[in-house]
N, C-alpha and C. Protein backbone atom coordinates (compact mmCIF):
# COMPACT_ATOMS: atom_id res chain seq x y z
N MET A 1 73.03 93.38 -139.60
CA MET A 1 74.60 92.63 -139.04
C MET A 1 75.11 93.86 -138.43
N LYS A 2 75.95 92.93 -137.29
CA LYS A 2 76.18 93.64 -135.79
C LYS A 2 78.03 93.58 -136.26
N TYR A 3 78.23 94.80 -135.84
CA TYR A 3 79.68 95.32 -136.54
C TYR A 3 80.02 96.75 -135.41
N ARG A 4 81.25 96.61 -135.39
CA ARG A 4 82.38 97.68 -134.66
C ARG A 4 83.46 98.05 -135.73
N ILE A 5 83.78 99.13 -135.54
CA ILE A 5 84.92 99.40 -136.45
C ILE A 5 86.55 99.86 -135.19
N VAL A 6 87.54 99.31 -135.38
CA VAL A 6 88.60 98.96 -134.69
C VAL A 6 89.77 100.26 -135.61
N ASP A 7 90.80 100.86 -134.76
CA ASP A 7 92.26 101.21 -135.26
C ASP A 7 92.80 100.21 -134.66
N ARG A 8 93.75 99.41 -135.43
CA ARG A 8 94.41 98.66 -134.58
C ARG A 8 96.12 99.47 -135.27
N GLU A 9 96.62 99.02 -133.88
CA GLU A 9 98.32 99.58 -134.56
C GLU A 9 98.56 97.89 -134.97
N ALA A 10 99.56 98.11 -135.47
CA ALA A 10 100.29 96.94 -136.10
C ALA A 10 100.69 95.64 -135.14
N PHE A 11 100.22 94.60 -135.72
CA PHE A 11 99.92 93.24 -134.95
C PHE A 11 100.48 92.63 -135.76
N GLN A 12 101.05 90.84 -134.86
CA GLN A 12 102.01 89.96 -135.63
C GLN A 12 100.85 88.66 -135.11
N VAL A 13 100.64 87.75 -136.21
CA VAL A 13 100.04 86.75 -135.67
C VAL A 13 101.37 85.25 -135.63
N ILE A 14 100.92 84.46 -135.09
CA ILE A 14 102.07 82.87 -136.13
C ILE A 14 101.00 81.67 -135.47
N GLY A 15 101.60 80.50 -136.75
CA GLY A 15 101.29 79.37 -137.50
C GLY A 15 101.63 78.64 -137.84
N ILE A 16 100.61 78.27 -138.70
CA ILE A 16 101.10 77.69 -139.99
C ILE A 16 100.55 77.90 -141.18
N LYS A 17 101.15 77.61 -142.38
CA LYS A 17 99.99 78.25 -143.29
C LYS A 17 100.57 76.93 -144.50
N ARG A 18 99.25 76.38 -145.28
CA ARG A 18 99.82 75.81 -146.68
C ARG A 18 98.79 75.99 -147.68
N GLU A 19 98.93 74.99 -149.05
CA GLU A 19 98.40 75.94 -149.89
C GLU A 19 97.43 74.63 -150.31
N ALA A 20 96.04 75.77 -150.21
CA ALA A 20 94.56 75.48 -150.18
C ALA A 20 93.60 74.88 -151.99
N LEU A 21 93.59 74.40 -151.91
CA LEU A 21 93.10 74.21 -153.30
C LEU A 21 91.52 74.79 -154.27
N CYS A 22 91.52 75.99 -154.49
CA CYS A 22 90.33 76.20 -154.67
C CYS A 22 89.21 75.34 -155.53
N CYS A 23 88.09 75.48 -155.20
CA CYS A 23 86.86 74.20 -155.95
C CYS A 23 86.18 75.12 -156.78
N ALA A 24 85.47 74.60 -157.48
CA ALA A 24 85.01 74.66 -158.61
C ALA A 24 83.56 76.10 -158.25
N GLU A 25 83.04 75.50 -157.05
CA GLU A 25 82.12 76.36 -155.88
C GLU A 25 82.54 77.17 -155.61
N GLU A 26 82.61 78.72 -156.16
CA GLU A 26 82.67 79.95 -156.23
C GLU A 26 84.03 79.77 -156.02
N ASN A 27 84.72 79.16 -156.74
CA ASN A 27 86.25 79.34 -156.34
C ASN A 27 86.12 78.97 -154.59
N SER A 28 85.83 78.33 -153.84
CA SER A 28 86.09 78.07 -152.44
C SER A 28 87.22 76.98 -152.12
N PRO A 29 87.97 77.50 -151.45
CA PRO A 29 89.21 76.81 -150.74
C PRO A 29 88.48 75.38 -149.47
N ALA A 30 87.26 75.72 -149.11
CA ALA A 30 86.76 74.89 -148.15
C ALA A 30 87.19 73.28 -147.96
N GLN A 31 86.67 72.52 -148.69
CA GLN A 31 87.15 71.40 -148.48
C GLN A 31 88.82 71.59 -147.96
N ASP A 32 89.93 72.01 -148.78
CA ASP A 32 91.12 71.77 -148.48
C ASP A 32 91.26 71.92 -147.10
N ILE A 33 90.81 73.40 -146.24
CA ILE A 33 90.57 74.04 -145.02
C ILE A 33 90.35 73.28 -144.27
N GLY A 34 89.18 72.85 -144.23
CA GLY A 34 88.83 71.66 -143.39
C GLY A 34 89.32 70.36 -143.08
N GLN A 35 89.88 69.96 -143.93
CA GLN A 35 90.99 69.01 -143.44
C GLN A 35 92.47 69.82 -142.84
N PHE A 36 92.76 70.66 -143.09
CA PHE A 36 93.89 71.21 -142.57
C PHE A 36 93.45 71.42 -141.55
N TRP A 37 92.62 72.23 -140.92
CA TRP A 37 91.74 72.42 -139.55
C TRP A 37 91.90 71.06 -138.61
N ARG A 38 91.06 70.46 -139.16
CA ARG A 38 91.42 69.02 -138.69
C ARG A 38 92.59 68.28 -138.29
N LYS A 39 93.35 68.38 -139.08
CA LYS A 39 94.93 67.72 -139.20
C LYS A 39 95.35 68.29 -138.16
N ALA A 40 95.52 69.60 -137.72
CA ALA A 40 95.65 70.73 -136.90
C ALA A 40 95.28 70.41 -135.08
N ASN A 41 93.85 69.59 -135.69
CA ASN A 41 93.56 69.56 -134.24
C ASN A 41 94.04 68.10 -133.83
N GLU A 42 93.96 67.57 -134.56
CA GLU A 42 94.36 66.07 -134.57
C GLU A 42 96.02 65.54 -134.22
N ASN A 43 96.81 66.32 -134.52
CA ASN A 43 97.92 66.85 -134.22
C ASN A 43 98.89 67.75 -132.93
N GLY A 44 97.53 68.09 -132.32
CA GLY A 44 98.34 69.01 -131.48
C GLY A 44 98.31 70.45 -131.92
N LEU A 45 98.39 70.60 -132.97
CA LEU A 45 98.80 72.01 -133.43
C LEU A 45 97.51 73.12 -132.90
N VAL A 46 96.34 73.38 -132.92
CA VAL A 46 95.70 74.21 -132.38
C VAL A 46 95.42 73.84 -130.82
N ALA A 47 95.97 73.05 -130.06
CA ALA A 47 96.22 73.14 -128.61
C ALA A 47 96.89 74.24 -128.44
N ARG A 48 98.35 74.04 -129.01
CA ARG A 48 99.86 74.76 -128.88
C ARG A 48 99.66 75.82 -128.82
N LEU A 49 98.87 76.74 -129.84
CA LEU A 49 98.24 77.80 -130.63
C LEU A 49 97.38 78.59 -129.06
N VAL A 50 96.44 77.76 -129.16
CA VAL A 50 95.62 78.37 -127.84
C VAL A 50 96.49 79.03 -126.68
N GLN A 51 97.64 78.01 -126.37
CA GLN A 51 98.58 78.52 -125.62
C GLN A 51 99.55 79.44 -125.75
N LEU A 52 99.31 80.23 -126.83
CA LEU A 52 100.37 81.15 -126.97
C LEU A 52 99.59 82.15 -127.57
N LEU A 53 98.25 82.48 -127.49
CA LEU A 53 97.34 83.56 -127.53
C LEU A 53 97.88 84.44 -126.54
N ASN A 54 97.95 85.93 -126.84
CA ASN A 54 98.08 86.31 -125.91
C ASN A 54 98.19 87.94 -126.91
N GLY A 55 97.33 88.19 -127.79
CA GLY A 55 96.95 89.50 -128.35
C GLY A 55 95.65 89.92 -128.35
N GLU A 56 94.90 91.08 -129.29
CA GLU A 56 93.74 91.91 -128.75
C GLU A 56 92.59 90.41 -129.28
N ILE A 57 92.87 89.96 -130.58
CA ILE A 57 91.91 88.35 -130.74
C ILE A 57 92.06 87.22 -130.25
N LYS A 58 91.08 87.25 -129.33
CA LYS A 58 91.11 85.51 -128.49
C LYS A 58 90.50 84.82 -128.58
N GLY A 59 90.84 84.48 -130.32
CA GLY A 59 90.52 82.84 -130.80
C GLY A 59 91.79 82.81 -131.72
N LEU A 60 91.78 81.56 -132.05
CA LEU A 60 92.48 81.47 -133.35
C LEU A 60 91.60 81.66 -134.75
N LEU A 61 92.57 81.74 -135.48
CA LEU A 61 92.33 82.93 -136.51
C LEU A 61 92.58 81.98 -138.19
N GLY A 62 91.74 82.17 -139.05
CA GLY A 62 91.89 81.75 -140.32
C GLY A 62 92.34 82.49 -141.32
N ILE A 63 93.32 82.56 -141.75
CA ILE A 63 93.70 83.78 -142.97
C ILE A 63 93.84 83.35 -144.61
N VAL A 64 92.96 83.52 -145.16
CA VAL A 64 92.87 83.84 -146.60
C VAL A 64 94.13 84.62 -147.58
N GLU A 65 95.25 84.16 -148.00
CA GLU A 65 95.92 85.24 -148.40
C GLU A 65 96.82 84.27 -150.07
N LYS A 66 96.98 85.27 -150.73
CA LYS A 66 97.90 85.18 -151.95
C LYS A 66 96.97 84.11 -152.79
N TYR A 67 95.84 84.57 -153.16
CA TYR A 67 95.78 83.94 -154.74
C TYR A 67 96.14 83.58 -156.10
N ASN A 68 96.06 82.12 -156.61
CA ASN A 68 97.12 81.79 -157.43
C ASN A 68 96.34 81.57 -158.23
N GLU A 69 96.26 82.70 -159.37
CA GLU A 69 94.77 81.91 -160.42
C GLU A 69 95.60 80.97 -161.11
N LYS A 70 97.40 80.96 -161.86
CA LYS A 70 97.49 79.70 -162.33
C LYS A 70 97.33 78.82 -162.12
N LYS A 71 97.43 78.00 -160.60
CA LYS A 71 96.83 77.04 -159.77
C LYS A 71 96.24 76.96 -159.50
N ASN A 72 95.21 78.27 -159.21
CA ASN A 72 93.86 78.34 -158.61
C ASN A 72 93.68 77.65 -157.37
N THR A 73 95.12 78.23 -156.82
CA THR A 73 94.65 78.01 -155.01
C THR A 73 94.99 79.30 -154.44
N VAL A 74 94.92 79.24 -152.93
CA VAL A 74 95.61 80.20 -152.18
C VAL A 74 96.41 79.82 -151.07
N ASP A 75 96.86 80.72 -150.21
CA ASP A 75 97.64 79.95 -148.94
C ASP A 75 96.46 80.34 -147.88
N TYR A 76 96.69 79.36 -147.35
CA TYR A 76 95.68 79.54 -145.84
C TYR A 76 96.43 79.34 -144.85
N TRP A 77 96.65 80.32 -143.55
CA TRP A 77 97.12 80.18 -142.64
C TRP A 77 96.12 79.71 -141.33
N ILE A 78 95.98 78.68 -140.09
CA ILE A 78 95.98 78.80 -139.07
C ILE A 78 97.05 79.49 -138.12
N THR A 79 96.54 80.16 -137.10
CA THR A 79 96.92 81.38 -136.38
C THR A 79 96.64 81.43 -135.24
N ALA A 80 97.42 82.47 -134.21
CA ALA A 80 97.20 82.64 -132.73
C ALA A 80 97.23 84.16 -133.14
N GLU A 81 96.90 85.71 -132.76
CA GLU A 81 97.71 86.65 -132.36
C GLU A 81 98.75 86.80 -131.39
N HIS A 82 99.83 87.14 -131.41
CA HIS A 82 100.70 86.60 -130.56
C HIS A 82 101.57 87.48 -130.64
N SER A 83 101.98 88.06 -129.33
CA SER A 83 102.92 89.29 -129.28
C SER A 83 104.42 88.80 -128.94
N GLY A 84 105.95 88.63 -129.43
CA GLY A 84 107.14 87.91 -128.99
C GLY A 84 107.98 87.04 -129.96
N ASP A 85 108.36 86.17 -129.48
CA ASP A 85 109.35 85.46 -130.12
C ASP A 85 108.01 84.72 -130.98
N ILE A 86 109.23 84.53 -132.02
CA ILE A 86 108.13 82.99 -132.34
C ILE A 86 109.01 81.64 -132.51
N PRO A 87 107.62 81.04 -131.72
CA PRO A 87 108.49 79.40 -131.46
C PRO A 87 109.01 78.63 -132.58
N ALA A 88 109.82 77.80 -132.33
CA ALA A 88 110.52 77.08 -133.50
C ALA A 88 109.00 76.27 -134.66
N GLY A 89 109.34 76.17 -135.14
CA GLY A 89 108.10 75.09 -136.61
C GLY A 89 107.32 76.08 -136.75
N TYR A 90 107.18 77.47 -136.32
CA TYR A 90 105.99 78.54 -136.47
C TYR A 90 106.41 79.58 -137.33
N SER A 91 105.77 79.91 -138.37
CA SER A 91 106.19 81.30 -138.96
C SER A 91 104.45 82.12 -138.71
N SER A 92 105.48 83.28 -138.73
CA SER A 92 105.03 84.55 -138.65
C SER A 92 104.35 85.45 -139.86
N LEU A 93 103.09 86.19 -139.64
CA LEU A 93 102.50 87.26 -140.61
C LEU A 93 102.37 88.34 -140.22
N GLU A 94 102.85 89.28 -139.83
CA GLU A 94 102.81 90.97 -140.01
C GLU A 94 101.62 91.81 -140.60
N PHE A 95 101.04 92.28 -139.95
CA PHE A 95 99.52 93.23 -140.49
C PHE A 95 100.14 94.53 -139.69
N PRO A 96 100.01 95.75 -140.66
CA PRO A 96 100.52 96.72 -140.53
C PRO A 96 99.06 97.89 -139.99
N ALA A 97 99.73 98.61 -138.67
CA ALA A 97 98.60 99.67 -138.47
C ALA A 97 97.20 99.84 -139.38
N ALA A 98 96.42 99.75 -138.96
CA ALA A 98 94.58 99.91 -140.21
C ALA A 98 93.80 99.85 -139.30
N LYS A 99 92.87 100.72 -139.88
CA LYS A 99 91.32 100.70 -139.84
C LYS A 99 90.82 99.09 -139.73
N TRP A 100 89.72 98.59 -138.97
CA TRP A 100 88.83 97.54 -139.17
C TRP A 100 87.90 97.04 -139.18
N VAL A 101 87.08 97.06 -140.18
CA VAL A 101 85.96 96.41 -139.46
C VAL A 101 85.59 94.84 -138.71
N VAL A 102 84.96 95.04 -137.95
CA VAL A 102 84.66 93.50 -137.45
C VAL A 102 83.42 93.29 -136.72
N PHE A 103 83.08 92.44 -137.66
CA PHE A 103 82.03 91.91 -137.96
C PHE A 103 81.02 90.32 -136.66
N GLU A 104 80.04 90.62 -136.46
CA GLU A 104 79.50 89.35 -135.43
C GLU A 104 79.46 88.11 -136.21
N VAL A 105 79.81 86.90 -135.68
CA VAL A 105 79.18 86.38 -136.64
C VAL A 105 78.39 85.03 -135.83
N LYS A 106 77.41 84.87 -135.64
CA LYS A 106 76.86 84.03 -134.56
C LYS A 106 75.87 83.15 -134.99
N GLY A 107 75.91 81.91 -134.76
CA GLY A 107 75.67 80.36 -135.60
C GLY A 107 76.79 79.26 -135.46
N PRO A 108 76.25 78.32 -135.84
CA PRO A 108 77.23 77.26 -136.30
C PRO A 108 78.32 77.36 -137.30
N ILE A 109 79.58 76.71 -137.36
CA ILE A 109 80.21 76.98 -138.19
C ILE A 109 80.44 75.97 -138.99
N PRO A 110 80.34 75.60 -140.79
CA PRO A 110 80.67 76.93 -141.47
C PRO A 110 79.64 78.13 -142.31
N THR A 111 78.22 77.47 -141.46
CA THR A 111 77.35 77.77 -142.45
C THR A 111 76.93 79.48 -141.75
N ALA A 112 77.22 79.35 -140.83
CA ALA A 112 76.80 81.20 -140.68
C ALA A 112 78.35 81.96 -141.12
N MET A 113 79.75 81.76 -141.16
CA MET A 113 80.62 82.01 -141.47
C MET A 113 80.55 82.67 -143.15
N VAL A 114 80.09 81.30 -144.08
CA VAL A 114 80.12 81.98 -145.30
C VAL A 114 78.64 82.93 -145.32
N ASN A 115 77.96 82.91 -144.84
CA ASN A 115 76.82 83.74 -144.52
C ASN A 115 77.16 85.31 -144.37
N THR A 116 77.40 85.23 -143.68
CA THR A 116 78.12 86.55 -142.91
C THR A 116 78.86 86.86 -144.04
N TRP A 117 79.88 86.55 -145.20
CA TRP A 117 80.71 86.70 -146.12
C TRP A 117 80.20 86.74 -146.79
N LYS A 118 78.92 86.40 -147.21
CA LYS A 118 78.10 86.95 -148.57
C LYS A 118 77.22 88.66 -147.89
N ARG A 119 76.72 88.21 -147.01
CA ARG A 119 76.22 89.94 -146.62
C ARG A 119 77.19 90.46 -146.01
N ILE A 120 78.04 90.40 -145.82
CA ILE A 120 79.48 91.84 -146.04
C ILE A 120 79.87 92.42 -147.37
N TYR A 121 79.89 91.46 -148.32
CA TYR A 121 80.21 92.11 -149.73
C TYR A 121 78.85 92.48 -150.52
N SER A 122 77.97 91.44 -150.44
CA SER A 122 76.28 92.05 -150.73
C SER A 122 75.40 92.77 -150.18
N GLU A 123 75.49 93.08 -148.58
CA GLU A 123 74.81 94.67 -148.01
C GLU A 123 75.71 95.21 -147.32
N TRP A 124 77.00 95.28 -146.74
CA TRP A 124 77.70 95.88 -145.98
C TRP A 124 78.69 96.64 -147.01
N PHE A 125 79.08 96.56 -147.88
CA PHE A 125 80.45 97.23 -148.23
C PHE A 125 79.10 98.19 -149.53
N PRO A 126 78.38 97.94 -150.10
CA PRO A 126 77.42 98.43 -150.90
C PRO A 126 76.93 99.81 -150.21
N SER A 127 76.20 99.66 -148.74
CA SER A 127 75.53 100.37 -148.13
C SER A 127 76.53 101.62 -147.28
N ASN A 128 77.97 101.33 -147.16
CA ASN A 128 78.75 102.42 -146.60
C ASN A 128 79.73 102.44 -147.24
N GLY A 129 80.53 103.74 -146.92
CA GLY A 129 81.31 104.50 -147.97
C GLY A 129 83.08 103.76 -147.56
N PHE A 130 82.58 102.73 -147.48
CA PHE A 130 84.32 101.57 -147.16
C PHE A 130 84.76 101.22 -148.11
N GLU A 131 85.49 100.50 -148.67
CA GLU A 131 86.10 99.73 -149.31
C GLU A 131 87.14 98.84 -148.65
N PRO A 132 87.01 97.82 -149.21
CA PRO A 132 88.00 96.85 -148.45
C PRO A 132 89.88 97.28 -148.63
N ALA A 133 90.52 97.57 -147.72
CA ALA A 133 91.84 97.57 -147.73
C ALA A 133 92.70 96.42 -148.20
N GLU A 134 94.02 96.45 -148.86
CA GLU A 134 94.65 95.32 -149.33
C GLU A 134 95.70 94.62 -148.46
N LEU A 135 94.39 94.26 -147.27
CA LEU A 135 94.95 92.94 -146.17
C LEU A 135 94.51 91.96 -146.32
N ALA A 136 95.08 90.87 -145.68
CA ALA A 136 93.79 89.40 -145.80
C ALA A 136 93.02 89.63 -144.82
N PRO A 137 92.04 89.55 -145.13
CA PRO A 137 90.95 89.48 -144.06
C PRO A 137 91.27 87.98 -143.02
N ILE A 138 90.26 88.28 -141.88
CA ILE A 138 90.67 87.89 -140.93
C ILE A 138 89.44 86.65 -140.15
N GLU A 139 89.32 85.69 -140.41
CA GLU A 139 88.20 84.92 -139.50
C GLU A 139 89.08 84.42 -138.32
N ALA A 140 87.89 84.80 -137.01
CA ALA A 140 88.60 85.07 -135.62
C ALA A 140 87.26 83.16 -135.00
N TYR A 141 88.06 82.47 -134.87
CA TYR A 141 87.34 81.40 -134.11
C TYR A 141 87.47 81.67 -132.31
N ILE A 142 86.69 82.25 -132.04
CA ILE A 142 86.43 82.72 -130.80
C ILE A 142 85.72 81.58 -129.79
N ASP A 143 84.82 80.92 -130.04
CA ASP A 143 83.85 80.44 -129.29
C ASP A 143 84.38 78.89 -129.16
N THR A 144 84.26 78.76 -128.14
CA THR A 144 84.96 76.90 -127.99
C THR A 144 84.41 75.85 -128.76
N ASN A 145 82.60 76.54 -128.50
CA ASN A 145 81.67 75.40 -129.53
C ASN A 145 81.03 75.77 -131.00
N LEU A 146 81.97 75.45 -131.67
CA LEU A 146 81.83 76.30 -133.17
C LEU A 146 80.51 75.27 -133.75
N HIS A 147 79.91 74.45 -133.56
CA HIS A 147 78.51 73.89 -133.75
C HIS A 147 77.34 74.37 -133.62
N SER A 148 77.47 74.92 -132.10
CA SER A 148 75.87 75.18 -131.64
C SER A 148 75.65 76.20 -132.16
N PRO A 149 73.87 76.77 -132.20
CA PRO A 149 73.41 77.45 -132.98
C PRO A 149 73.69 78.64 -132.85
N ASN A 150 74.09 79.44 -131.03
CA ASN A 150 74.83 80.29 -130.39
C ASN A 150 75.92 80.46 -130.52
N SER A 151 76.87 80.09 -131.19
CA SER A 151 78.62 80.60 -131.42
C SER A 151 78.40 81.21 -131.74
N MET A 152 79.60 81.91 -130.85
CA MET A 152 79.63 83.94 -131.56
C MET A 152 81.45 83.78 -131.87
N ASN A 153 81.68 84.15 -133.03
CA ASN A 153 82.87 84.53 -133.65
C ASN A 153 82.85 86.12 -134.73
N GLU A 154 83.98 85.99 -135.35
CA GLU A 154 83.91 87.49 -135.29
C GLU A 154 85.14 86.84 -137.24
N ILE A 155 84.48 88.16 -137.45
CA ILE A 155 85.17 88.32 -139.12
C ILE A 155 85.98 89.51 -139.28
N TRP A 156 87.08 89.58 -139.13
CA TRP A 156 87.78 91.60 -139.03
C TRP A 156 88.17 91.44 -140.64
N VAL A 157 87.70 92.73 -141.46
CA VAL A 157 88.13 93.00 -142.81
C VAL A 157 88.82 94.83 -142.59
N ALA A 158 89.98 94.75 -143.06
CA ALA A 158 90.61 96.22 -143.25
C ALA A 158 89.96 96.51 -144.02
N ILE A 159 89.56 98.29 -144.06
CA ILE A 159 88.56 98.85 -144.65
C ILE A 159 90.23 99.99 -144.77
N LYS A 160 89.02 100.66 -145.64
CA LYS A 160 89.94 102.14 -146.38
C LYS A 160 88.55 102.84 -146.72
């Protein structure tokens, strides 16, 4: 697995979020999240967020946070790293200064992303002296052709 460790100052992401229902299969909210991304592409949100990108991470970001055990849901964000004012209609999420491990995700989405997540927790964390920090992880969709076998994207996990 290719990865790098990055020390980041605090940063902000802007975008929209929705509650996504987790499915029975590994508690994955993938179906709801896929529909959310499709809608965001169709209604122009993705194009507007791309114009607002001005941070270190040069792609749109998918962020999962706040698992609700009673409802079996998570909050899912579609965002862009953005420094500056928050445009009307968007919400922001603040990340404090932290150390991050950034994993390379090569291959078509969603298969490559799912496989990389599995390897992070089954291989990388057990063989390194780090633990995940209490911050939402970030999927960075950097490549414009996400379904290409050579698509290059990232997963950011805060570590301690």
